[in-house]
Amino acid sequence: MASDETRRILKVFGVAVTNLEDALERRAPADELARLDRDLAERTREVLALIERLRGAAGGARA
């Protein structure tokens, strides 16, 4: 079962994706898009770090 931390990371990542997508659809100003893009990049790094931790816990196994 997923941990609370895993759920939090994935939820925040999903929100960041949706926020950027919504801003793009409504043609938000460039500064807002840049801020949302930075936020998504940070959330992506968190997801990648989670994946690496899970791989480490599994002994480095990869599919």
Protein backbone atom coordinates (compact mmCIF):
# COMPACT_ATOMS: atom_id res chain seq x y z
CA MET A 1 0.00 0.00 0.00
CA ALA A 2 1.22 3.47 -0.82
CA SER A 3 2.50 5.65 1.98
CA ASP A 4 0.97 9.00 2.88
CA GLU A 5 4.13 10.65 1.53
CA THR A 6 3.72 8.86 -1.83
CA ARG A 7 0.10 9.96 -2.02
CA ARG A 8 1.05 13.55 -1.15
CA ILE A 9 3.81 13.71 -3.77
CA LEU A 10 1.57 12.31 -6.51
CA LYS A 11 -1.35 14.58 -5.56
CA VAL A 12 0.81 17.72 -5.59
CA PHE A 13 2.34 16.63 -8.92
CA GLY A 14 -1.13 16.17 -10.43
CA VAL A 15 -2.22 19.60 -9.20
CA ALA A 16 0.90 21.19 -10.72
CA VAL A 17 0.21 19.54 -14.10
CA THR A 18 -3.42 20.65 -14.05
CA ASN A 19 -2.53 24.20 -13.00
CA LEU A 20 -0.10 24.60 -15.90
CA GLU A 21 -2.52 23.01 -18.36
CA ASP A 22 -5.34 25.32 -17.25
CA ALA A 23 -3.09 28.38 -17.51
CA LEU A 24 -2.03 27.40 -21.02
CA GLU A 25 -5.66 26.95 -22.09
CA ARG A 26 -6.64 30.40 -20.84
CA ARG A 27 -3.52 31.98 -22.34
CA ALA A 28 -2.17 33.23 -19.01
CA PRO A 29 0.59 35.85 -18.93
CA ALA A 30 4.15 34.66 -19.50
CA ASP A 31 5.22 35.33 -15.91
CA GLU A 32 2.44 33.13 -14.56
CA LEU A 33 3.30 30.36 -17.04
CA ALA A 34 6.96 30.58 -16.03
CA ARG A 35 6.05 30.29 -12.33
CA LEU A 36 3.78 27.32 -12.94
CA ASP A 37 6.43 25.69 -15.13
CA ARG A 38 9.00 26.05 -12.34
CA ASP A 39 6.55 24.55 -9.88
CA LEU A 40 5.90 21.59 -12.19
CA ALA A 41 9.64 21.08 -12.66
CA GLU A 42 10.09 20.95 -8.87
CA ARG A 43 7.23 18.49 -8.47
CA THR A 44 8.69 16.35 -11.27
CA ARG A 45 12.00 16.23 -9.38
CA GLU A 46 10.10 15.09 -6.28
CA VAL A 47 8.41 12.28 -8.25
CA LEU A 48 11.74 11.18 -9.73
CA ALA A 49 13.33 11.18 -6.26
CA LEU A 50 10.45 9.05 -5.00
CA ILE A 51 11.00 6.58 -7.84
CA GLU A 52 14.70 6.36 -6.99
CA ARG A 53 13.89 5.74 -3.31
CA LEU A 54 11.46 2.98 -4.27
CA ARG A 55 14.03 1.41 -6.57
CA GLY A 56 16.58 1.53 -3.78
CA ALA A 57 14.14 -0.14 -1.40
CA ALA A 58 13.62 -2.86 -4.01
CA GLY A 59 17.35 -3.45 -4.31
CA GLY A 60 17.71 -1.42 -7.48
CA ALA A 61 15.36 -3.66 -9.49
CA ARG A 62 14.19 -2.18 -12.78
CA ALA A 63 11.48 -3.35 -15.12
